Amino acid sequence: MLEPQLSHIRGGTVLTIRGEGLFDSVSKKAKIVSKFGDRLTDLQWDRNEKVFQLTSMPFYWIANDDELIKTISPSDLLDLKFEVSITMNYIHWEPAGFYRYCDLKIMRMTYATFPDKSTLEDVI
């Protein structure tokens, strides 16, 4: 299982892969598959948690097509899936999940409080 399933468009999000049978290996790698092709990246082993971690790459590195990137809207960006598979021996690749990219821009924040016993209908 891969979490979180959302990365910022600039990359840098630490994605965690949890599951049974994971172990450290000198041959560990992650493969990211999308409509833009396949990309290999390194995995890190967290021996305390017994999980793999990988850092998401910038969307521009994954896509490698500046003209195509200019045509993708923020909503279209969320529709693109990036499938992650892992290997510990370069022979067998195991699916680990997928993630998506987003381009978050906070335009405004507000602070609001609601009564303790309010329902969803009261708030909306």
Protein backbone atom coordinates (compact mmCIF):
# COMPACT_ATOMS: atom_id res chain seq x y z
CA MET A 1 0.00 0.00 0.00
CA LEU A 2 1.34 3.40 -1.02
CA GLU A 3 0.57 6.49 1.02
CA PRO A 4 -0.05 9.35 0.65
CA GLN A 5 -1.53 9.14 -2.83
CA LEU A 6 -1.00 12.80 -3.61
CA SER A 7 2.23 14.65 -4.34
CA HIS A 8 2.94 18.29 -5.05
CA ILE A 9 3.79 19.05 -8.67
CA ARG A 10 7.29 20.14 -7.58
CA GLY A 11 7.91 16.73 -6.01
CA GLY A 12 9.60 16.16 -2.69
CA THR A 13 6.74 14.27 -1.06
CA VAL A 14 7.89 11.22 0.91
CA LEU A 15 5.75 8.28 -0.19
CA THR A 16 5.64 5.25 2.10
CA ILE A 17 5.14 1.68 0.89
CA ARG A 18 3.77 -0.74 3.49
CA GLY A 19 3.15 -4.44 3.09
CA GLU A 20 4.11 -7.92 4.12
CA GLY A 21 7.35 -9.54 3.03
CA LEU A 22 9.31 -6.32 2.58
CA PHE A 23 13.02 -6.43 3.36
CA ASP A 24 16.12 -4.37 2.71
CA SER A 25 18.07 -5.21 -0.43
CA VAL A 26 20.90 -3.62 -2.38
CA SER A 27 18.79 -4.18 -5.52
CA LYS A 28 15.69 -2.32 -4.34
CA LYS A 29 14.16 0.09 -6.85
CA ALA A 30 10.83 1.68 -7.64
CA LYS A 31 9.41 1.99 -11.14
CA ILE A 32 6.92 4.78 -11.85
CA VAL A 33 4.73 4.04 -14.87
CA SER A 34 2.47 6.58 -16.54
CA LYS A 35 1.35 7.63 -19.99
CA PHE A 36 4.67 9.50 -20.17
CA GLY A 37 6.70 6.29 -19.91
CA ASP A 38 8.60 4.45 -17.19
CA ARG A 39 11.00 6.05 -14.72
CA LEU A 40 13.20 4.26 -12.18
CA THR A 41 13.98 5.78 -8.80
CA ASP A 42 15.66 4.76 -5.56
CA LEU A 43 13.93 3.34 -2.52
CA GLN A 44 15.00 3.89 1.06
CA TRP A 45 14.49 1.26 3.75
CA ASP A 46 13.17 2.36 7.13
CA ARG A 47 14.32 -0.44 9.40
CA ASN A 48 12.33 0.79 12.40
CA GLU A 49 8.99 0.82 10.57
CA LYS A 50 9.90 -2.00 8.12
CA VAL A 51 8.67 0.06 5.16
CA PHE A 52 10.09 1.44 1.92
CA GLN A 53 10.10 5.15 1.25
CA LEU A 54 10.60 7.04 -1.96
CA THR A 55 10.60 10.75 -2.63
CA SER A 56 8.33 11.85 -5.46
CA MET A 57 10.09 13.45 -8.37
CA PRO A 58 8.94 16.73 -9.90
CA PHE A 59 6.13 16.26 -12.42
CA TYR A 60 8.28 17.95 -15.07
CA TRP A 61 10.95 15.24 -14.66
CA ILE A 62 8.36 12.47 -14.97
CA ALA A 63 6.58 13.97 -18.00
CA ASN A 64 9.70 15.19 -19.82
CA ASP A 65 7.57 17.08 -22.37
CA ASP A 66 7.37 20.86 -21.84
CA GLU A 67 4.77 21.43 -24.56
CA LEU A 68 2.43 18.78 -23.19
CA ILE A 69 2.80 20.07 -19.65
CA LYS A 70 1.59 23.53 -20.74
CA THR A 71 -1.67 22.01 -22.00
CA ILE A 72 -2.56 20.16 -18.76
CA SER A 73 -5.04 21.96 -16.52
CA PRO A 74 -5.01 21.44 -12.72
CA SER A 75 -8.15 19.27 -12.93
CA ASP A 76 -6.63 17.17 -15.76
CA LEU A 77 -3.50 16.78 -13.65
CA LEU A 78 -5.49 15.04 -10.92
CA ASP A 79 -6.82 12.54 -13.48
CA LEU A 80 -3.31 11.27 -14.28
CA LYS A 81 -2.26 8.16 -12.34
CA PHE A 82 1.36 7.28 -11.64
CA GLU A 83 1.60 3.55 -10.91
CA VAL A 84 4.42 2.47 -8.61
CA SER A 85 5.97 -1.01 -8.66
CA ILE A 86 8.89 -2.15 -6.54
CA THR A 87 11.58 -4.77 -6.89
CA MET A 88 14.09 -6.17 -4.47
CA ASN A 89 15.92 -8.30 -7.06
CA TYR A 90 15.44 -6.67 -10.52
CA ILE A 91 13.58 -9.80 -11.63
CA HIS A 92 10.15 -9.61 -10.04
CA TRP A 93 8.23 -6.30 -9.90
CA GLU A 94 5.40 -6.05 -7.38
CA PRO A 95 2.65 -3.38 -7.69
CA ALA A 96 2.72 -0.99 -4.72
CA GLY A 97 -0.08 1.44 -5.59
CA PHE A 98 -0.40 4.76 -7.35
CA TYR A 99 -0.25 8.46 -6.67
CA ARG A 100 -1.32 11.63 -8.39
CA TYR A 101 0.16 15.10 -8.68
CA CYS A 102 -1.57 18.33 -7.70
CA ASP A 103 -0.67 21.99 -7.92
CA LEU A 104 -2.05 23.45 -4.71
CA LYS A 105 -2.33 27.16 -4.37
CA ILE A 106 -3.86 28.56 -1.22
CA MET A 107 -5.77 31.65 -2.18
CA ARG A 108 -7.43 32.43 1.14
CA MET A 109 -7.81 30.92 4.59
CA THR A 110 -10.38 31.58 7.22
CA TYR A 111 -11.05 30.49 10.75
CA ALA A 112 -14.53 29.22 11.58
CA THR A 113 -16.13 27.64 14.62
CA PHE A 114 -19.28 25.58 14.79
CA PRO A 115 -21.49 24.63 17.72
CA ASP A 116 -20.61 21.28 19.26
CA LYS A 117 -23.90 19.66 18.26
CA SER A 118 -24.13 21.01 14.70
CA THR A 119 -24.96 18.67 11.84
CA LEU A 120 -23.77 18.80 8.27
CA GLU A 121 -27.09 20.37 7.26
CA ASP A 122 -26.57 23.14 9.83
CA VAL A 123 -23.16 23.97 8.42
CA ILE A 124 -24.18 23.96 4.77
